[in-house]
């Protein structure tokens, strides 16, 4: 008695491993045919990609959290004191014929 869910997961993992091995072989072949300047530019580009993108995402999340906390704090402070006054009642605009 084999579990069909486990069999499906195992087949998916095998397919994933075959795909990763194929991609690694392709990358090794591409790297082996590159000239030294191209290889250096690729390495610098990959290094920038791996360092800048997480930094940008982290700063984005940090500033969004600061914005949300600031909005929550200022909203709570505004609820504690009446800063706006009473609401203005609606008055319809009169046209020239009235």
N, C-alpha and C. Protein backbone atom coordinates (compact mmCIF):
# COMPACT_ATOMS: atom_id res chain seq x y z
N UNK A 1 0.84 -1.18 0.00
CA UNK A 1 0.00 0.00 0.00
C UNK A 1 0.88 1.24 0.00
N UNK A 2 0.92 1.91 -1.10
CA UNK A 2 1.69 3.15 -1.15
C UNK A 2 0.73 4.33 -1.10
N UNK A 3 1.19 5.37 -0.49
CA UNK A 3 0.40 6.58 -0.35
C UNK A 3 0.45 7.35 -1.67
N UNK A 4 -0.70 7.63 -2.31
CA UNK A 4 -0.66 8.34 -3.59
C UNK A 4 -0.10 9.76 -3.47
N UNK A 5 -0.33 10.41 -2.34
CA UNK A 5 0.19 11.77 -2.17
C UNK A 5 1.71 11.73 -2.11
N UNK A 6 2.27 10.74 -1.41
CA UNK A 6 3.73 10.62 -1.31
C UNK A 6 4.32 10.29 -2.68
N UNK A 7 3.65 9.42 -3.43
CA UNK A 7 4.13 9.06 -4.76
C UNK A 7 4.15 10.29 -5.68
N UNK A 8 3.12 11.10 -5.60
CA UNK A 8 3.05 12.31 -6.41
C UNK A 8 4.13 13.30 -5.99
N UNK A 9 4.35 13.45 -4.70
CA UNK A 9 5.40 14.35 -4.21
C UNK A 9 6.77 13.85 -4.64
N UNK A 10 6.99 12.56 -4.54
CA UNK A 10 8.27 11.99 -4.94
C UNK A 10 8.52 12.20 -6.43
N UNK A 11 7.49 12.04 -7.25
CA UNK A 11 7.63 12.26 -8.69
C UNK A 11 7.93 13.72 -8.99
N UNK A 12 7.29 14.61 -8.26
CA UNK A 12 7.55 16.03 -8.45
C UNK A 12 8.97 16.39 -8.06
N UNK A 13 9.46 15.83 -6.97
CA UNK A 13 10.83 16.09 -6.53
C UNK A 13 11.85 15.54 -7.52
N UNK A 14 11.55 14.37 -8.09
CA UNK A 14 12.45 13.81 -9.11
C UNK A 14 12.49 14.71 -10.34
N UNK A 15 11.35 15.20 -10.75
CA UNK A 15 11.29 16.10 -11.90
C UNK A 15 12.05 17.40 -11.61
N UNK A 16 11.89 17.92 -10.41
CA UNK A 16 12.62 19.12 -10.01
C UNK A 16 14.13 18.89 -10.02
N UNK A 17 14.56 17.75 -9.51
CA UNK A 17 16.00 17.47 -9.47
C UNK A 17 16.56 17.32 -10.89
N UNK A 18 15.81 16.67 -11.78
CA UNK A 18 16.27 16.57 -13.17
C UNK A 18 16.38 17.94 -13.83
N UNK A 19 15.43 18.80 -13.56
CA UNK A 19 15.45 20.15 -14.13
C UNK A 19 16.63 20.95 -13.59
N UNK A 20 16.90 20.84 -12.29
CA UNK A 20 18.03 21.58 -11.70
C UNK A 20 19.36 21.07 -12.23
N UNK A 21 19.50 19.77 -12.41
CA UNK A 21 20.74 19.21 -12.95
C UNK A 21 20.94 19.69 -14.39
N UNK A 22 19.85 19.71 -15.16
CA UNK A 22 19.94 20.18 -16.55
C UNK A 22 20.34 21.65 -16.60
N UNK A 23 19.76 22.47 -15.71
CA UNK A 23 20.10 23.89 -15.67
C UNK A 23 21.55 24.09 -15.24
N UNK A 24 22.03 23.30 -14.28
CA UNK A 24 23.42 23.41 -13.83
C UNK A 24 24.38 23.03 -14.95
N UNK A 25 24.06 21.98 -15.70
CA UNK A 25 24.92 21.59 -16.83
C UNK A 25 24.95 22.69 -17.89
N UNK A 26 23.82 23.30 -18.15
CA UNK A 26 23.76 24.39 -19.12
C UNK A 26 24.60 25.58 -18.63
N UNK A 27 24.50 25.92 -17.33
CA UNK A 27 25.25 27.04 -16.78
C UNK A 27 26.76 26.77 -16.84
N UNK A 28 27.17 25.54 -16.52
CA UNK A 28 28.60 25.20 -16.58
C UNK A 28 29.09 25.30 -18.02
N UNK A 29 28.30 24.84 -18.97
CA UNK A 29 28.69 24.95 -20.37
C UNK A 29 28.79 26.40 -20.82
N UNK A 30 27.86 27.24 -20.37
CA UNK A 30 27.89 28.65 -20.74
C UNK A 30 29.09 29.35 -20.12
N UNK A 31 29.40 29.03 -18.88
CA UNK A 31 30.54 29.65 -18.20
C UNK A 31 31.85 29.22 -18.84
N UNK A 32 31.92 27.97 -19.25
CA UNK A 32 33.18 27.49 -19.83
C UNK A 32 33.48 28.13 -21.19
N UNK A 33 32.47 28.63 -21.88
CA UNK A 33 32.71 29.26 -23.17
C UNK A 33 32.88 30.78 -23.07
N UNK A 34 32.70 31.36 -21.89
CA UNK A 34 32.80 32.82 -21.74
C UNK A 34 34.25 33.27 -21.73
N UNK A 35 34.47 34.48 -22.24
CA UNK A 35 35.80 35.07 -22.14
C UNK A 35 35.98 35.63 -20.73
N UNK A 36 37.23 35.95 -20.37
CA UNK A 36 37.49 36.44 -19.02
C UNK A 36 36.77 37.75 -18.70
N UNK A 37 36.76 38.73 -19.59
CA UNK A 37 36.02 39.97 -19.26
C UNK A 37 34.52 39.73 -19.10
N UNK A 38 33.95 38.90 -19.93
CA UNK A 38 32.52 38.59 -19.81
C UNK A 38 32.24 37.86 -18.51
N UNK A 39 33.12 36.94 -18.16
CA UNK A 39 32.95 36.20 -16.91
C UNK A 39 33.03 37.14 -15.71
N UNK A 40 33.97 38.11 -15.77
CA UNK A 40 34.10 39.06 -14.66
C UNK A 40 32.85 39.95 -14.56
N UNK A 41 32.35 40.44 -15.69
CA UNK A 41 31.14 41.25 -15.67
C UNK A 41 29.93 40.46 -15.17
N UNK A 42 29.87 39.20 -15.55
CA UNK A 42 28.77 38.36 -15.06
C UNK A 42 28.86 38.17 -13.55
N UNK A 43 30.06 37.97 -13.05
CA UNK A 43 30.25 37.78 -11.61
C UNK A 43 29.90 39.05 -10.84
N UNK A 44 30.33 40.20 -11.36
CA UNK A 44 30.00 41.48 -10.69
C UNK A 44 28.50 41.73 -10.74
N UNK A 45 27.88 41.46 -11.88
CA UNK A 45 26.43 41.64 -11.99
C UNK A 45 25.66 40.75 -11.05
N UNK A 46 26.09 39.50 -10.94
CA UNK A 46 25.43 38.57 -10.02
C UNK A 46 25.63 39.01 -8.58
N UNK A 47 26.83 39.49 -8.25
CA UNK A 47 27.08 39.97 -6.89
C UNK A 47 26.21 41.17 -6.56
N UNK A 48 26.09 42.09 -7.50
CA UNK A 48 25.22 43.25 -7.27
C UNK A 48 23.77 42.82 -7.11
N UNK A 49 23.34 41.90 -7.95
CA UNK A 49 21.97 41.41 -7.87
C UNK A 49 21.68 40.75 -6.52
N UNK A 50 22.64 39.96 -6.04
CA UNK A 50 22.43 39.24 -4.78
C UNK A 50 22.54 40.14 -3.56
N UNK A 51 23.17 41.31 -3.69
CA UNK A 51 23.30 42.19 -2.53
C UNK A 51 22.32 43.35 -2.57
N UNK A 52 22.06 43.92 -3.72
CA UNK A 52 21.21 45.11 -3.80
C UNK A 52 19.72 44.77 -3.68
N UNK A 53 19.28 43.72 -4.34
CA UNK A 53 17.85 43.39 -4.32
C UNK A 53 17.34 43.09 -2.90
N UNK A 54 18.02 42.25 -2.10
CA UNK A 54 17.53 42.06 -0.74
C UNK A 54 17.57 43.33 0.10
N UNK A 55 18.58 44.18 -0.13
CA UNK A 55 18.65 45.44 0.60
C UNK A 55 17.46 46.33 0.26
N UNK A 56 17.13 46.43 -1.01
CA UNK A 56 16.00 47.26 -1.44
C UNK A 56 14.70 46.73 -0.86
N UNK A 57 14.50 45.44 -0.93
CA UNK A 57 13.27 44.85 -0.38
C UNK A 57 13.17 45.04 1.12
N UNK A 58 14.29 44.88 1.82
CA UNK A 58 14.29 45.07 3.27
C UNK A 58 13.96 46.51 3.63
N UNK A 59 14.58 47.46 2.94
CA UNK A 59 14.29 48.87 3.22
C UNK A 59 12.84 49.22 2.88
N UNK A 60 12.31 48.65 1.81
CA UNK A 60 10.91 48.90 1.47
C UNK A 60 9.98 48.42 2.58
N UNK A 61 10.21 47.20 3.05
CA UNK A 61 9.37 46.66 4.13
C UNK A 61 9.53 47.50 5.40
N UNK A 62 10.76 47.90 5.71
CA UNK A 62 11.02 48.70 6.90
C UNK A 62 10.27 50.03 6.84
N UNK A 63 10.37 50.73 5.71
CA UNK A 63 9.68 52.01 5.59
C UNK A 63 8.17 51.86 5.57
N UNK A 64 7.66 50.77 5.01
CA UNK A 64 6.21 50.55 5.06
C UNK A 64 5.74 50.30 6.49
N UNK A 65 6.52 49.57 7.27
CA UNK A 65 6.17 49.34 8.67
C UNK A 65 6.19 50.66 9.44
N UNK A 66 7.22 51.49 9.19
CA UNK A 66 7.30 52.79 9.86
C UNK A 66 6.10 53.65 9.47
N UNK A 67 5.71 53.62 8.19
CA UNK A 67 4.56 54.40 7.74
C UNK A 67 3.28 53.92 8.42
N UNK A 68 3.09 52.62 8.51
CA UNK A 68 1.89 52.08 9.15
C UNK A 68 1.84 52.41 10.64
N UNK A 69 2.98 52.28 11.31
CA UNK A 69 3.02 52.60 12.75
C UNK A 69 2.76 54.09 12.95
N UNK A 70 3.34 54.93 12.12
CA UNK A 70 3.12 56.37 12.23
C UNK A 70 1.65 56.71 12.00
N UNK A 71 1.04 56.10 11.00
CA UNK A 71 -0.38 56.34 10.76
C UNK A 71 -1.25 55.87 11.91
N UNK A 72 -0.91 54.75 12.49
CA UNK A 72 -1.67 54.24 13.64
C UNK A 72 -1.52 55.17 14.83
N UNK A 73 -0.31 55.63 15.12
CA UNK A 73 -0.07 56.48 16.28
C UNK A 73 -0.74 57.84 16.09
N UNK A 74 -0.60 58.45 14.93
CA UNK A 74 -1.21 59.76 14.72
C UNK A 74 -2.73 59.67 14.68
N UNK A 75 -3.28 58.57 14.19
CA UNK A 75 -4.73 58.39 14.19
C UNK A 75 -5.24 58.24 15.61
N UNK A 76 -4.51 57.49 16.42
CA UNK A 76 -4.91 57.32 17.82
C UNK A 76 -4.83 58.64 18.58
N UNK A 77 -3.80 59.46 18.26
CA UNK A 77 -3.65 60.74 18.92
C UNK A 77 -4.77 61.69 18.50
N UNK A 78 -5.18 61.63 17.23
CA UNK A 78 -6.25 62.51 16.75
C UNK A 78 -7.59 62.10 17.35
N UNK A 79 -7.79 60.84 17.66
CA UNK A 79 -9.04 60.40 18.27
C UNK A 79 -9.14 60.88 19.71
N UNK A 80 -8.02 61.07 20.36
CA UNK A 80 -8.02 61.50 21.76
C UNK A 80 -8.40 62.96 21.92
N UNK A 81 -8.18 63.78 20.93
CA UNK A 81 -8.53 65.19 21.03
C UNK A 81 -9.30 65.60 19.77
N UNK A 82 -10.17 66.54 19.93
CA UNK A 82 -10.96 67.00 18.79
C UNK A 82 -10.15 68.06 18.04
N UNK A 83 -9.58 67.67 16.91
CA UNK A 83 -8.76 68.61 16.16
C UNK A 83 -9.50 69.18 14.96
N UNK A 84 -10.55 68.55 14.52
CA UNK A 84 -11.21 68.98 13.30
C UNK A 84 -12.46 69.81 13.55
N UNK A 85 -13.08 69.68 14.66
CA UNK A 85 -14.33 70.39 14.91
C UNK A 85 -15.51 69.63 14.34
N UNK A 86 -16.71 70.19 14.45
CA UNK A 86 -17.89 69.49 13.97
C UNK A 86 -17.93 69.44 12.45
N UNK A 87 -18.66 68.48 11.94
CA UNK A 87 -18.79 68.31 10.50
C UNK A 87 -19.65 69.43 9.93
N UNK A 88 -19.33 69.89 8.75
CA UNK A 88 -20.12 70.93 8.07
C UNK A 88 -21.35 70.28 7.45
N UNK A 89 -22.53 70.84 7.72
CA UNK A 89 -23.73 70.24 7.11
C UNK A 89 -23.75 70.49 5.61
N UNK A 90 -24.41 69.61 4.91
CA UNK A 90 -24.50 69.70 3.45
C UNK A 90 -25.51 70.77 3.08
N UNK A 91 -25.12 71.67 2.23
CA UNK A 91 -26.06 72.67 1.70
C UNK A 91 -25.99 72.58 0.18
N UNK A 92 -27.12 72.41 -0.48
CA UNK A 92 -27.07 72.29 -1.94
C UNK A 92 -26.69 73.62 -2.59
N UNK A 93 -26.06 73.53 -3.73
CA UNK A 93 -25.65 74.70 -4.47
C UNK A 93 -26.85 75.22 -5.23
N UNK A 94 -27.11 76.54 -5.12
CA UNK A 94 -28.25 77.13 -5.80
C UNK A 94 -27.84 77.57 -7.18
N UNK A 95 -28.70 77.28 -8.12
CA UNK A 95 -28.42 77.73 -9.49
C UNK A 95 -28.94 79.15 -9.66
N UNK A 96 -28.64 79.79 -10.76
CA UNK A 96 -29.03 81.20 -10.96
C UNK A 96 -30.54 81.38 -11.07
N UNK A 97 -31.25 80.37 -11.50
CA UNK A 97 -32.70 80.51 -11.68
C UNK A 97 -33.48 80.39 -10.38
N UNK A 98 -32.87 80.04 -9.29
CA UNK A 98 -33.62 79.83 -8.03
C UNK A 98 -33.64 81.05 -7.18
